[in-house]
PDB file of N, CA and C in Angstrom:
ATOM      1  N   UNK A   1      95.092  96.399 127.958  1.00  0.00           N
ATOM      2  CA  UNK A   1      94.277  96.225 129.144  1.00  0.00           C
ATOM      3  C   UNK A   1      93.164  95.231 128.834  1.00  0.00           C
ATOM      4  N   UNK A   2      92.898  94.360 129.790  1.00  0.00           N
ATOM      5  CA  UNK A   2      91.886  93.333 129.580  1.00  0.00           C
ATOM      6  C   UNK A   2      90.491  93.924 129.448  1.00  0.00           C
ATOM      7  N   UNK A   3      90.201  94.981 130.187  1.00  0.00           N
ATOM      8  CA  UNK A   3      88.859  95.562 130.119  1.00  0.00           C
ATOM      9  C   UNK A   3      88.588  96.148 128.735  1.00  0.00           C
ATOM     10  N   UNK A   4      89.591  96.763 128.144  1.00  0.00           N
ATOM     11  CA  UNK A   4      89.438  97.331 126.810  1.00  0.00           C
ATOM     12  C   UNK A   4      89.288  96.214 125.788  1.00  0.00           C
ATOM     13  N   UNK A   5      90.113  95.167 125.907  1.00  0.00           N
ATOM     14  CA  UNK A   5      90.028  94.032 124.984  1.00  0.00           C
ATOM     15  C   UNK A   5      88.661  93.378 125.077  1.00  0.00           C
ATOM     16  N   UNK A   6      88.131  93.251 126.266  1.00  0.00           N
ATOM     17  CA  UNK A   6      86.808  92.659 126.465  1.00  0.00           C
ATOM     18  C   UNK A   6      85.735  93.538 125.833  1.00  0.00           C
ATOM     19  N   UNK A   7      85.910  94.843 125.945  1.00  0.00           N
ATOM     20  CA  UNK A   7      84.951  95.799 125.386  1.00  0.00           C
ATOM     21  C   UNK A   7      84.810  95.622 123.871  1.00  0.00           C
ATOM     22  N   UNK A   8      85.919  95.346 123.190  1.00  0.00           N
ATOM     23  CA  UNK A   8      85.922  95.254 121.728  1.00  0.00           C
ATOM     24  C   UNK A   8      85.818  93.819 121.196  1.00  0.00           C
ATOM     25  N   UNK A   9      85.875  92.845 122.064  1.00  0.00           N
ATOM     26  CA  UNK A   9      85.932  91.440 121.659  1.00  0.00           C
ATOM     27  C   UNK A   9      84.776  91.013 120.745  1.00  0.00           C
ATOM     28  N   UNK A  10      83.553  91.305 121.146  1.00  0.00           N
ATOM     29  CA  UNK A  10      82.382  90.897 120.350  1.00  0.00           C
ATOM     30  C   UNK A  10      82.348  91.609 119.000  1.00  0.00           C
ATOM     31  N   UNK A  11      82.704  92.887 118.994  1.00  0.00           N
ATOM     32  CA  UNK A  11      82.702  93.654 117.747  1.00  0.00           C
ATOM     33  C   UNK A  11      83.744  93.097 116.778  1.00  0.00           C
ATOM     34  N   UNK A  12      84.911  92.738 117.286  1.00  0.00           N
ATOM     35  CA  UNK A  12      85.974  92.192 116.439  1.00  0.00           C
ATOM     36  C   UNK A  12      85.569  90.840 115.882  1.00  0.00           C
ATOM     37  N   UNK A  13      84.992  90.014 116.709  1.00  0.00           N
ATOM     38  CA  UNK A  13      84.537  88.696 116.250  1.00  0.00           C
ATOM     39  C   UNK A  13      83.461  88.835 115.176  1.00  0.00           C
ATOM     40  N   UNK A  14      82.557  89.772 115.366  1.00  0.00           N
ATOM     41  CA  UNK A  14      81.519  90.026 114.380  1.00  0.00           C
ATOM     42  C   UNK A  14      82.122  90.506 113.060  1.00  0.00           C
ATOM     43  N   UNK A  15      83.129  91.340 113.164  1.00  0.00           N
ATOM     44  CA  UNK A  15      83.816  91.865 111.981  1.00  0.00           C
ATOM     45  C   UNK A  15      84.544  90.750 111.222  1.00  0.00           C
ATOM     46  N   UNK A  16      85.120  89.810 111.955  1.00  0.00           N
ATOM     47  CA  UNK A  16      85.794  88.676 111.313  1.00  0.00           C
ATOM     48  C   UNK A  16      84.797  87.794 110.561  1.00  0.00           C
ATOM     49  N   UNK A  17      83.657  87.549 111.179  1.00  0.00           N
ATOM     50  CA  UNK A  17      82.655  86.667 110.576  1.00  0.00           C
ATOM     51  C   UNK A  17      81.926  87.322 109.417  1.00  0.00           C
ATOM     52  N   UNK A  18      81.622  88.606 109.551  1.00  0.00           N
ATOM     53  CA  UNK A  18      80.833  89.329 108.545  1.00  0.00           C
ATOM     54  C   UNK A  18      81.504  90.666 108.231  1.00  0.00           C
ATOM     55  N   UNK A  19      82.499  90.661 107.328  1.00  0.00           N
ATOM     56  CA  UNK A  19      83.191  91.920 107.005  1.00  0.00           C
ATOM     57  C   UNK A  19      82.228  92.993 106.498  1.00  0.00           C
ATOM     58  N   UNK A  20      82.340  94.151 107.080  1.00  0.00           N
ATOM     59  CA  UNK A  20      81.568  95.325 106.676  1.00  0.00           C
ATOM     60  C   UNK A  20      82.278  96.551 107.223  1.00  0.00           C
ATOM     61  N   UNK A  21      81.854  97.749 106.863  1.00  0.00           N
ATOM     62  CA  UNK A  21      82.564  98.952 107.311  1.00  0.00           C
ATOM     63  C   UNK A  21      82.699  99.039 108.832  1.00  0.00           C
ATOM     64  N   UNK A  22      83.843  99.509 109.254  1.00  0.00           N
ATOM     65  CA  UNK A  22      84.136  99.632 110.679  1.00  0.00           C
ATOM     66  C   UNK A  22      83.114 100.529 111.372  1.00  0.00           C
ATOM     67  N   UNK A  23      82.682 101.581 110.695  1.00  0.00           N
ATOM     68  CA  UNK A  23      81.701 102.492 111.293  1.00  0.00           C
ATOM     69  C   UNK A  23      80.386 101.771 111.592  1.00  0.00           C
ATOM     70  N   UNK A  24      79.995 100.840 110.724  1.00  0.00           N
ATOM     71  CA  UNK A  24      78.750 100.086 110.967  1.00  0.00           C
ATOM     72  C   UNK A  24      78.878  99.189 112.183  1.00  0.00           C
ATOM     73  N   UNK A  25      80.019  98.536 112.320  1.00  0.00           N
ATOM     74  CA  UNK A  25      80.260  97.680 113.487  1.00  0.00           C
ATOM     75  C   UNK A  25      80.250  98.514 114.757  1.00  0.00           C
ATOM     76  N   UNK A  26      80.938  99.637 114.724  1.00  0.00           N
ATOM     77  CA  UNK A  26      81.010 100.505 115.902  1.00  0.00           C
ATOM     78  C   UNK A  26      79.619 100.948 116.325  1.00  0.00           C
ATOM     79  N   UNK A  27      78.808 101.347 115.377  1.00  0.00           N
ATOM     80  CA  UNK A  27      77.443 101.784 115.694  1.00  0.00           C
ATOM     81  C   UNK A  27      76.628 100.628 116.270  1.00  0.00           C
ATOM     82  N   UNK A  28      76.767  99.461 115.648  1.00  0.00           N
ATOM     83  CA  UNK A  28      76.025  98.279 116.084  1.00  0.00           C
ATOM     84  C   UNK A  28      76.343  97.903 117.529  1.00  0.00           C
ATOM     85  N   UNK A  29      77.600  98.074 117.936  1.00  0.00           N
ATOM     86  CA  UNK A  29      78.017  97.686 119.275  1.00  0.00           C
ATOM     87  C   UNK A  29      78.157  98.865 120.226  1.00  0.00           C
ATOM     88  N   UNK A  30      77.703 100.047 119.797  1.00  0.00           N
ATOM     89  CA  UNK A  30      77.720 101.220 120.665  1.00  0.00           C
ATOM     90  C   UNK A  30      79.114 101.749 120.947  1.00  0.00           C
ATOM     91  N   UNK A  31      80.002 101.660 119.972  1.00  0.00           N
ATOM     92  CA  UNK A  31      81.378 102.121 120.138  1.00  0.00           C
ATOM     93  C   UNK A  31      81.612 103.383 119.323  1.00  0.00           C
ATOM     94  N   UNK A  32      82.596 104.148 119.717  1.00  0.00           N
ATOM     95  CA  UNK A  32      82.971 105.336 118.957  1.00  0.00           C
ATOM     96  C   UNK A  32      83.769 104.854 117.742  1.00  0.00           C
ATOM     97  N   UNK A  33      83.346 105.206 116.517  1.00  0.00           N
ATOM     98  CA  UNK A  33      83.983 104.672 115.307  1.00  0.00           C
ATOM     99  C   UNK A  33      85.491 104.915 115.214  1.00  0.00           C
ATOM    100  N   UNK A  34      85.947 106.117 115.494  1.00  0.00           N
ATOM    101  CA  UNK A  34      87.377 106.418 115.367  1.00  0.00           C
ATOM    102  C   UNK A  34      88.205 105.702 116.431  1.00  0.00           C
ATOM    103  N   UNK A  35      87.668 105.613 117.625  1.00  0.00           N
ATOM    104  CA  UNK A  35      88.377 104.918 118.702  1.00  0.00           C
ATOM    105  C   UNK A  35      88.485 103.431 118.380  1.00  0.00           C
ATOM    106  N   UNK A  36      87.389 102.863 117.887  1.00  0.00           N
ATOM    107  CA  UNK A  36      87.392 101.455 117.502  1.00  0.00           C
ATOM    108  C   UNK A  36      88.354 101.223 116.336  1.00  0.00           C
ATOM    109  N   UNK A  37      88.365 102.118 115.378  1.00  0.00           N
ATOM    110  CA  UNK A  37      89.265 102.019 114.226  1.00  0.00           C
ATOM    111  C   UNK A  37      90.727 102.060 114.692  1.00  0.00           C
ATOM    112  N   UNK A  38      91.045 102.977 115.609  1.00  0.00           N
ATOM    113  CA  UNK A  38      92.405 103.075 116.139  1.00  0.00           C
ATOM    114  C   UNK A  38      92.798 101.795 116.873  1.00  0.00           C
ATOM    115  N   UNK A  39      91.865 101.262 117.669  1.00  0.00           N
ATOM    116  CA  UNK A  39      92.126 100.018 118.397  1.00  0.00           C
ATOM    117  C   UNK A  39      92.421  98.887 117.409  1.00  0.00           C
ATOM    118  N   UNK A  40      91.615  98.793 116.373  1.00  0.00           N
ATOM    119  CA  UNK A  40      91.827  97.746 115.370  1.00  0.00           C
ATOM    120  C   UNK A  40      93.191  97.867 114.709  1.00  0.00           C
ATOM    121  N   UNK A  41      93.566  99.061 114.308  1.00  0.00           N
ATOM    122  CA  UNK A  41      94.842  99.255 113.634  1.00  0.00           C
ATOM    123  C   UNK A  41      96.027  98.941 114.556  1.00  0.00           C
ATOM    124  N   UNK A  42      95.845  99.196 115.827  1.00  0.00           N
ATOM    125  CA  UNK A  42      96.927  98.943 116.777  1.00  0.00           C
ATOM    126  C   UNK A  42      97.004  97.471 117.180  1.00  0.00           C
ATOM    127  N   UNK A  43      95.857  96.844 117.451  1.00  0.00           N
ATOM    128  CA  UNK A  43      95.836  95.495 118.014  1.00  0.00           C
ATOM    129  C   UNK A  43      95.447  94.396 117.029  1.00  0.00           C
ATOM    130  N   UNK A  44      94.812  94.749 115.939  1.00  0.00           N
ATOM    131  CA  UNK A  44      94.390  93.777 114.924  1.00  0.00           C
ATOM    132  C   UNK A  44      94.705  94.343 113.534  1.00  0.00           C
ATOM    133  N   UNK A  45      95.989  94.617 113.253  1.00  0.00           N
ATOM    134  CA  UNK A  45      96.325  95.300 111.998  1.00  0.00           C
ATOM    135  C   UNK A  45      95.909  94.540 110.736  1.00  0.00           C
ATOM    136  N   UNK A  46      96.018  93.225 110.740  1.00  0.00           N
ATOM    137  CA  UNK A  46      95.624  92.462 109.546  1.00  0.00           C
ATOM    138  C   UNK A  46      94.135  92.600 109.278  1.00  0.00           C
ATOM    139  N   UNK A  47      93.344  92.519 110.322  1.00  0.00           N
ATOM    140  CA  UNK A  47      91.896  92.666 110.186  1.00  0.00           C
ATOM    141  C   UNK A  47      91.539  94.074 109.728  1.00  0.00           C
ATOM    142  N   UNK A  48      92.186  95.065 110.288  1.00  0.00           N
ATOM    143  CA  UNK A  48      91.921  96.459 109.914  1.00  0.00           C
ATOM    144  C   UNK A  48      92.278  96.713 108.454  1.00  0.00           C
ATOM    145  N   UNK A  49      93.379  96.157 107.996  1.00  0.00           N
ATOM    146  CA  UNK A  49      93.806  96.367 106.618  1.00  0.00           C
ATOM    147  C   UNK A  49      92.913  95.645 105.614  1.00  0.00           C
ATOM    148  N   UNK A  50      92.291  94.575 106.030  1.00  0.00           N
ATOM    149  CA  UNK A  50      91.397  93.826 105.138  1.00  0.00           C
ATOM    150  C   UNK A  50      90.063  94.518 104.933  1.00  0.00           C
ATOM    151  N   UNK A  51      89.686  95.373 105.836  1.00  0.00           N
ATOM    152  CA  UNK A  51      88.371  96.020 105.780  1.00  0.00           C
ATOM    153  C   UNK A  51      88.184  96.805 104.500  1.00  0.00           C
ATOM    154  N   UNK A  52      87.118  96.518 103.832  1.00  0.00           N
ATOM    155  CA  UNK A  52      86.789  97.264 102.631  1.00  0.00           C
ATOM    156  C   UNK A  52      87.655  96.925 101.432  1.00  0.00           C
ATOM    157  N   UNK A  53      88.460  95.870 101.536  1.00  0.00           N
ATOM    158  CA  UNK A  53      89.357  95.503 100.451  1.00  0.00           C
ATOM    159  C   UNK A  53      88.929  94.172  99.852  1.00  0.00           C
ATOM    160  N   UNK A  54      89.132  94.044  98.557  1.00  0.00           N
ATOM    161  CA  UNK A  54      88.893  92.787  97.861  1.00  0.00           C
ATOM    162  C   UNK A  54      90.100  92.501  96.978  1.00  0.00           C
ATOM    163  N   UNK A  55      90.238  91.242  96.581  1.00  0.00           N
ATOM    164  CA  UNK A  55      91.345  90.889  95.716  1.00  0.00           C
ATOM    165  C   UNK A  55      90.878  90.827  94.274  1.00  0.00           C
ATOM    166  N   UNK A  56      91.705  91.338  93.397  1.00  0.00           N
ATOM    167  CA  UNK A  56      91.413  91.254  91.971  1.00  0.00           C
ATOM    168  C   UNK A  56      91.901  89.901  91.472  1.00  0.00           C
ATOM    169  N   UNK A  57      91.606  89.596  90.230  1.00  0.00           N
ATOM    170  CA  UNK A  57      92.046  88.330  89.662  1.00  0.00           C
ATOM    171  C   UNK A  57      93.574  88.253  89.590  1.00  0.00           C
ATOM    172  N   UNK A  58      94.249  89.392  89.640  1.00  0.00           N
ATOM    173  CA  UNK A  58      95.714  89.428  89.611  1.00  0.00           C
ATOM    174  C   UNK A  58      96.299  89.438  91.028  1.00  0.00           C
ATOM    175  N   UNK A  59      95.477  89.108  92.021  1.00  0.00           N
ATOM    176  CA  UNK A  59      95.902  89.028  93.422  1.00  0.00           C
ATOM    177  C   UNK A  59      96.240  90.372  94.052  1.00  0.00           C
ATOM    178  N   UNK A  60      95.821  91.460  93.449  1.00  0.00           N
ATOM    179  CA  UNK A  60      96.023  92.777  94.058  1.00  0.00           C
ATOM    180  C   UNK A  60      94.844  93.070  94.962  1.00  0.00           C
ATOM    181  N   UNK A  61      95.088  93.825  96.032  1.00  0.00           N
ATOM    182  CA  UNK A  61      94.015  94.218  96.936  1.00  0.00           C
ATOM    183  C   UNK A  61      93.582  95.629  96.576  1.00  0.00           C
ATOM    184  N   UNK A  62      92.290  95.791  96.332  1.00  0.00           N
ATOM    185  CA  UNK A  62      91.744  97.097  95.983  1.00  0.00           C
ATOM    186  C   UNK A  62      90.513  97.372  96.836  1.00  0.00           C
ATOM    187  N   UNK A  63      90.170  98.609  96.943  1.00  0.00           N
ATOM    188  CA  UNK A  63      88.994  99.009  97.693  1.00  0.00           C
ATOM    189  C   UNK A  63      87.735  98.444  97.041  1.00  0.00           C
ATOM    190  N   UNK A  64      86.888  97.828  97.838  1.00  0.00           N
ATOM    191  CA  UNK A  64      85.623  97.279  97.333  1.00  0.00           C
ATOM    192  C   UNK A  64      84.778  98.392  96.718  1.00  0.00           C
ATOM    193  N   UNK A  65      84.780  99.529  97.375  1.00  0.00           N
ATOM    194  CA  UNK A  65      84.000 100.672  96.896  1.00  0.00           C
ATOM    195  C   UNK A  65      84.491 101.138  95.527  1.00  0.00           C
ATOM    196  N   UNK A  66      85.804 101.213  95.346  1.00  0.00           N
ATOM    197  CA  UNK A  66      86.353 101.621  94.050  1.00  0.00           C
ATOM    198  C   UNK A  66      86.050 100.587  92.983  1.00  0.00           C
ATOM    199  N   UNK A  67      86.192  99.328  93.341  1.00  0.00           N
ATOM    200  CA  UNK A  67      85.933  98.268  92.371  1.00  0.00           C
ATOM    201  C   UNK A  67      84.497  98.341  91.864  1.00  0.00           C
ATOM    202  N   UNK A  68      83.557  98.539  92.771  1.00  0.00           N
ATOM    203  CA  UNK A  68      82.148  98.639  92.383  1.00  0.00           C
ATOM    204  C   UNK A  68      81.883  99.924  91.592  1.00  0.00           C
ATOM    205  N   UNK A  69      82.480 101.000  92.038  1.00  0.00           N
ATOM    206  CA  UNK A  69      82.258 102.305  91.412  1.00  0.00           C
ATOM    207  C   UNK A  69      82.775 102.327  89.974  1.00  0.00           C
ATOM    208  N   UNK A  70      83.927 101.704  89.745  1.00  0.00           N
ATOM    209  CA  UNK A  70      84.571 101.772  88.445  1.00  0.00           C
ATOM    210  C   UNK A  70      84.304 100.567  87.543  1.00  0.00           C
ATOM    211  N   UNK A  71      83.554  99.589  87.998  1.00  0.00           N
ATOM    212  CA  UNK A  71      83.350  98.346  87.244  1.00  0.00           C
ATOM    213  C   UNK A  71      82.821  98.596  85.833  1.00  0.00           C
ATOM    214  N   UNK A  72      81.812  99.413  85.685  1.00  0.00           N
ATOM    215  CA  UNK A  72      81.221  99.663  84.370  1.00  0.00           C
ATOM    216  C   UNK A  72      82.205 100.395  83.463  1.00  0.00           C
ATOM    217  N   UNK A  73      82.928 101.355  84.005  1.00  0.00           N
ATOM    218  CA  UNK A  73      83.911 102.093  83.200  1.00  0.00           C
ATOM    219  C   UNK A  73      85.014 101.151  82.715  1.00  0.00           C
ATOM    220  N   UNK A  74      85.449 100.248  83.562  1.00  0.00           N
ATOM    221  CA  UNK A  74      86.484  99.289  83.186  1.00  0.00           C
ATOM    222  C   UNK A  74      85.970  98.369  82.083  1.00  0.00           C
ATOM    223  N   UNK A  75      84.747  97.899  82.234  1.00  0.00           N
ATOM    224  CA  UNK A  75      84.154  97.019  81.224  1.00  0.00           C
ATOM    225  C   UNK A  75      84.067  97.733  79.874  1.00  0.00           C
ATOM    226  N   UNK A  76      83.574  98.958  79.895  1.00  0.00           N
ATOM    227  CA  UNK A  76      83.435  99.723  78.652  1.00  0.00           C
ATOM    228  C   UNK A  76      84.789 100.015  78.011  1.00  0.00           C
ATOM    229  N   UNK A  77      85.745 100.399  78.812  1.00  0.00           N
ATOM    230  CA  UNK A  77      87.061 100.762  78.285  1.00  0.00           C
ATOM    231  C   UNK A  77      87.750  99.560  77.632  1.00  0.00           C
ATOM    232  N   UNK A  78      87.564  98.386  78.211  1.00  0.00           N
ATOM    233  CA  UNK A  78      88.198  97.188  77.673  1.00  0.00           C
ATOM    234  C   UNK A  78      87.486  96.589  76.479  1.00  0.00           C
ATOM    235  N   UNK A  79      86.257  97.029  76.208  1.00  0.00           N
ATOM    236  CA  UNK A  79      85.480  96.401  75.130  1.00  0.00           C
ATOM    237  C   UNK A  79      85.066  97.361  74.023  1.00  0.00           C
ATOM    238  N   UNK A  80      85.414  98.639  74.153  1.00  0.00           N
ATOM    239  CA  UNK A  80      85.055  99.611  73.118  1.00  0.00           C
ATOM    240  C   UNK A  80      86.268 100.466  72.761  1.00  0.00           C
ATOM    241  N   UNK A  81      86.131 101.242  71.716  1.00  0.00           N
ATOM    242  CA  UNK A  81      87.212 102.161  71.335  1.00  0.00           C
ATOM    243  C   UNK A  81      86.951 103.569  71.869  1.00  0.00           C
ATOM    244  N   UNK A  82      85.936 103.705  72.669  1.00  0.00           N
ATOM    245  CA  UNK A  82      85.597 104.999  73.263  1.00  0.00           C
ATOM    246  C   UNK A  82      86.716 105.442  74.202  1.00  0.00           C
ATOM    247  N   UNK A  83      87.002 106.727  74.226  1.00  0.00           N
ATOM    248  CA  UNK A  83      88.080 107.222  75.098  1.00  0.00           C
ATOM    249  C   UNK A  83      87.656 107.141  76.559  1.00  0.00           C
ATOM    250  N   UNK A  84      88.645 106.999  77.416  1.00  0.00           N
ATOM    251  CA  UNK A  84      88.375 106.929  78.848  1.00  0.00           C
ATOM    252  C   UNK A  84      87.758 108.235  79.341  1.00  0.00           C
ATOM    253  N   UNK A  85      88.177 109.334  78.762  1.00  0.00           N
ATOM    254  CA  UNK A  85      87.633 110.635  79.157  1.00  0.00           C
ATOM    255  C   UNK A  85      86.127 110.688  78.860  1.00  0.00           C
ATOM    256  N   UNK A  86      85.719 110.191  77.694  1.00  0.00           N
ATOM    257  CA  UNK A  86      84.292 110.163  77.337  1.00  0.00           C
ATOM    258  C   UNK A  86      83.508 109.237  78.259  1.00  0.00           C
ATOM    259  N   UNK A  87      84.087 108.083  78.561  1.00  0.00           N
ATOM    260  CA  UNK A  87      83.421 107.128  79.457  1.00  0.00           C
ATOM    261  C   UNK A  87      83.252 107.746  80.837  1.00  0.00           C
ATOM    262  N   UNK A  88      84.313 108.359  81.351  1.00  0.00           N
ATOM    263  CA  UNK A  88      84.268 108.980  82.677  1.00  0.00           C
ATOM    264  C   UNK A  88      83.203 110.070  82.724  1.00  0.00           C
ATOM    265  N   UNK A  89      83.153 110.894  81.694  1.00  0.00           N
ATOM    266  CA  UNK A  89      82.162 111.979  81.643  1.00  0.00           C
ATOM    267  C   UNK A  89      80.748 111.410  81.627  1.00  0.00           C
ATOM    268  N   UNK A  90      80.536 110.404  80.777  1.00  0.00           N
ATOM    269  CA  UNK A  90      79.197 109.816  80.655  1.00  0.00           C
ATOM    270  C   UNK A  90      78.725 109.166  81.955  1.00  0.00           C
ATOM    271  N   UNK A  91      79.665 108.547  82.693  1.00  0.00           N
ATOM    272  CA  UNK A  91      79.302 107.861  83.934  1.00  0.00           C
ATOM    273  C   UNK A  91      79.406 108.753  85.178  1.00  0.00           C
ATOM    274  N   UNK A  92      79.822 110.005  84.976  1.00  0.00           N
ATOM    275  CA  UNK A  92      79.926 110.936  86.105  1.00  0.00           C
ATOM    276  C   UNK A  92      81.111 110.644  87.012  1.00  0.00           C
ATOM    277  N   UNK A  93      82.199 110.127  86.448  1.00  0.00           N
ATOM    278  CA  UNK A  93      83.396 109.813  87.221  1.00  0.00           C
ATOM    279  C   UNK A  93      84.477 110.853  86.963  1.00  0.00           C
ATOM    280  N   UNK A  94      85.418 110.943  87.862  1.00  0.00           N
ATOM    281  CA  UNK A  94      86.558 111.835  87.676  1.00  0.00           C
ATOM    282  C   UNK A  94      87.578 111.119  86.804  1.00  0.00           C
ATOM    283  N   UNK A  95      87.903 111.732  85.684  1.00  0.00           N
ATOM    284  CA  UNK A  95      88.799 111.114  84.698  1.00  0.00           C
ATOM    285  C   UNK A  95      90.134 110.706  85.303  1.00  0.00           C
ATOM    286  N   UNK A  96      90.779 111.591  86.059  1.00  0.00           N
ATOM    287  CA  UNK A  96      92.089 111.274  86.631  1.00  0.00           C
ATOM    288  C   UNK A  96      92.016 110.113  87.610  1.00  0.00           C
ATOM    289  N   UNK A  97      90.930 110.017  88.372  1.00  0.00           N
ATOM    290  CA  UNK A  97      90.790 108.933  89.340  1.00  0.00           C
ATOM    291  C   UNK A  97      90.627 107.588  88.647  1.00  0.00           C
ATOM    292  N   UNK A  98      89.735 107.523  87.670  1.00  0.00           N
ATOM    293  CA  UNK A  98      89.522 106.253  86.979  1.00  0.00           C
ATOM    294  C   UNK A  98      90.762 105.871  86.167  1.00  0.00           C
ATOM    295  N   UNK A  99      91.417 106.861  85.585  1.00  0.00           N
ATOM    296  CA  UNK A  99      92.631 106.584  84.818  1.00  0.00           C
ATOM    297  C   UNK A  99      93.726 105.985  85.685  1.00  0.00           C
ATOM    298  N   UNK A 100      93.949 106.581  86.836  1.00  0.00           N
ATOM    299  CA  UNK A 100      94.960 106.062  87.765  1.00  0.00           C
ATOM    300  C   UNK A 100      94.604 104.682  88.286  1.00  0.00           C
ATOM    301  N   UNK A 101      93.338 104.480  88.588  1.00  0.00           N
ATOM    302  CA  UNK A 101      92.867 103.189  89.090  1.00  0.00           C
ATOM    303  C   UNK A 101      93.117 102.090  88.054  1.00  0.00           C
ATOM    304  N   UNK A 102      92.788 102.374  86.808  1.00  0.00           N
ATOM    305  CA  UNK A 102      92.988 101.368  85.755  1.00  0.00           C
ATOM    306  C   UNK A 102      94.477 101.103  85.543  1.00  0.00           C
ATOM    307  N   UNK A 103      95.292 102.152  85.518  1.00  0.00           N
ATOM    308  CA  UNK A 103      96.742 101.954  85.333  1.00  0.00           C
ATOM    309  C   UNK A 103      97.335 101.099  86.451  1.00  0.00           C
ATOM    310  N   UNK A 104      96.918 101.356  87.673  1.00  0.00           N
ATOM    311  CA  UNK A 104      97.473 100.613  88.813  1.00  0.00           C
ATOM    312  C   UNK A 104      96.959  99.190  88.913  1.00  0.00           C
ATOM    313  N   UNK A 105      95.671  98.988  88.629  1.00  0.00           N
ATOM    314  CA  UNK A 105      95.044  97.713  88.955  1.00  0.00           C
ATOM    315  C   UNK A 105      94.583  96.870  87.771  1.00  0.00           C
ATOM    316  N   UNK A 106      94.473  97.460  86.596  1.00  0.00           N
ATOM    317  CA  UNK A 106      93.944  96.709  85.452  1.00  0.00           C
ATOM    318  C   UNK A 106      94.711  96.994  84.162  1.00  0.00           C
ATOM    319  N   UNK A 107      96.008  96.708  84.140  1.00  0.00           N
ATOM    320  CA  UNK A 107      96.771  96.957  82.909  1.00  0.00           C
ATOM    321  C   UNK A 107      96.278  96.106  81.739  1.00  0.00           C
ATOM    322  N   UNK A 108      95.664  94.972  82.035  1.00  0.00           N
ATOM    323  CA  UNK A 108      95.131  94.120  80.967  1.00  0.00           C
ATOM    324  C   UNK A 108      94.000  94.810  80.211  1.00  0.00           C
ATOM    325  N   UNK A 109      93.273  95.679  80.874  1.00  0.00           N
ATOM    326  CA  UNK A 109      92.197  96.425  80.226  1.00  0.00           C
ATOM    327  C   UNK A 109      92.789  97.456  79.265  1.00  0.00           C
ATOM    328  N   UNK A 110      93.889  98.058  79.658  1.00  0.00           N
ATOM    329  CA  UNK A 110      94.577  99.010  78.782  1.00  0.00           C
ATOM    330  C   UNK A 110      95.069  98.287  77.534  1.00  0.00           C
ATOM    331  N   UNK A 111      95.624  97.092  77.716  1.00  0.00           N
ATOM    332  CA  UNK A 111      96.090  96.307  76.568  1.00  0.00           C
ATOM    333  C   UNK A 111      94.940  95.941  75.643  1.00  0.00           C
ATOM    334  N   UNK A 112      93.803  95.534  76.219  1.00  0.00           N
ATOM    335  CA  UNK A 112      92.632  95.177  75.411  1.00  0.00           C
ATOM    336  C   UNK A 112      92.147  96.396  74.622  1.00  0.00           C
ATOM    337  N   UNK A 113      92.116  97.555  75.274  1.00  0.00           N
ATOM    338  CA  UNK A 113      91.680  98.784  74.613  1.00  0.00           C
ATOM    339  C   UNK A 113      92.642  99.158  73.479  1.00  0.00           C
ATOM    340  N   UNK A 114      93.925  99.042  73.727  1.00  0.00           N
ATOM    341  CA  UNK A 114      94.926  99.356  72.702  1.00  0.00           C
ATOM    342  C   UNK A 114      94.784  98.425  71.501  1.00  0.00           C
ATOM    343  N   UNK A 115      94.521  97.156  71.757  1.00  0.00           N
ATOM    344  CA  UNK A 115      94.313  96.191  70.679  1.00  0.00           C
ATOM    345  C   UNK A 115      93.107  96.580  69.841  1.00  0.00           C
ATOM    346  N   UNK A 116      92.029  96.972  70.502  1.00  0.00           N
ATOM    347  CA  UNK A 116      90.824  97.401  69.779  1.00  0.00           C
ATOM    348  C   UNK A 116      91.114  98.628  68.912  1.00  0.00           C
ATOM    349  N   UNK A 117      91.876  99.559  69.441  1.00  0.00           N
ATOM    350  CA  UNK A 117      92.214 100.762  68.680  1.00  0.00           C
ATOM    351  C   UNK A 117      93.075 100.426  67.461  1.00  0.00           C
ATOM    352  N   UNK A 118      94.029  99.513  67.631  1.00  0.00           N
ATOM    353  CA  UNK A 118      94.878  99.118  66.502  1.00  0.00           C
ATOM    354  C   UNK A 118      94.051  98.407  65.431  1.00  0.00           C
ATOM    355  N   UNK A 119      93.129  97.552  65.861  1.00  0.00           N
ATOM    356  CA  UNK A 119      92.256  96.861  64.901  1.00  0.00           C
ATOM    357  C   UNK A 119      91.386  97.859  64.149  1.00  0.00           C
ATOM    358  N   UNK A 120      90.905  98.861  64.867  1.00  0.00           N
ATOM    359  CA  UNK A 120      90.078  99.894  64.231  1.00  0.00           C
ATOM    360  C   UNK A 120      90.899 100.665  63.200  1.00  0.00           C
ATOM    361  N   UNK A 121      92.131 101.006  63.553  1.00  0.00           N
ATOM    362  CA  UNK A 121      93.013 101.732  62.628  1.00  0.00           C
ATOM    363  C   UNK A 121      93.316 100.888  61.386  1.00  0.00           C
ATOM    364  N   UNK A 122      93.550  99.604  61.591  1.00  0.00           N
ATOM    365  CA  UNK A 122      93.831  98.715  60.458  1.00  0.00           C
ATOM    366  C   UNK A 122      92.633  98.628  59.515  1.00  0.00           C
ATOM    367  N   UNK A 123      91.438  98.531  60.085  1.00  0.00           N
ATOM    368  CA  UNK A 123      90.226  98.474  59.273  1.00  0.00           C
ATOM    369  C   UNK A 123      90.024  99.760  58.480  1.00  0.00           C
ATOM    370  N   UNK A 124      90.283 100.885  59.160  1.00  0.00           N
ATOM    371  CA  UNK A 124      90.089 102.167  58.462  1.00  0.00           C
ATOM    372  C   UNK A 124      91.142 102.353  57.377  1.00  0.00           C
ATOM    373  N   UNK A 125      92.358 101.838  57.568  1.00  0.00           N
ATOM    374  CA  UNK A 125      93.391 101.899  56.530  1.00  0.00           C
ATOM    375  C   UNK A 125      92.992 101.075  55.314  1.00  0.00           C
ATOM    376  N   UNK A 126      92.421  99.900  55.559  1.00  0.00           N
ATOM    377  CA  UNK A 126      92.014  99.012  54.480  1.00  0.00           C
ATOM    378  C   UNK A 126      90.860  99.621  53.687  1.00  0.00           C
ATOM    379  N   UNK A 127      89.905 100.186  54.383  1.00  0.00           N
ATOM    380  CA  UNK A 127      88.730 100.771  53.687  1.00  0.00           C
ATOM    381  C   UNK A 127      89.083 102.064  52.963  1.00  0.00           C
ATOM    382  N   UNK A 128      90.119 102.750  53.400  1.00  0.00           N
ATOM    383  CA  UNK A 128      90.481 104.018  52.749  1.00  0.00           C
ATOM    384  C   UNK A 128      91.293 103.795  51.477  1.00  0.00           C
ATOM    385  N   UNK A 129      91.790 102.589  51.262  1.00  0.00           N
ATOM    386  CA  UNK A 129      92.604 102.306  50.068  1.00  0.00           C
ATOM    387  C   UNK A 129      91.785 101.969  48.881  1.00  0.00           C
TER     388      UNK A 129
END
């Protein structure tokens, strides 16, 4: 319906120009968040799917919120020999969530961590002889 499309037109254009959470746009334009979200998914699926998503260096799309939330844990895991469980506990993260996120989106970090562990084992073997 044209009246409905007109109702959401400015909000959609604003969302295209300045990506931010759908709930914020809905509030800004006086729309019901769930109704606006449903409209977007039905009539603007590409725009709706892009919301809150960013691309990683490997061209995968991940949640911006998850990327920000887990950034420090990923950095630590890839640069230290500390266990992921210890990192998660120290940063107040759920171990299973961060573990799954890294497996799905950052296998290179797992490889870097494994390399560090092997180097540590080699050093300890040399010093123990």
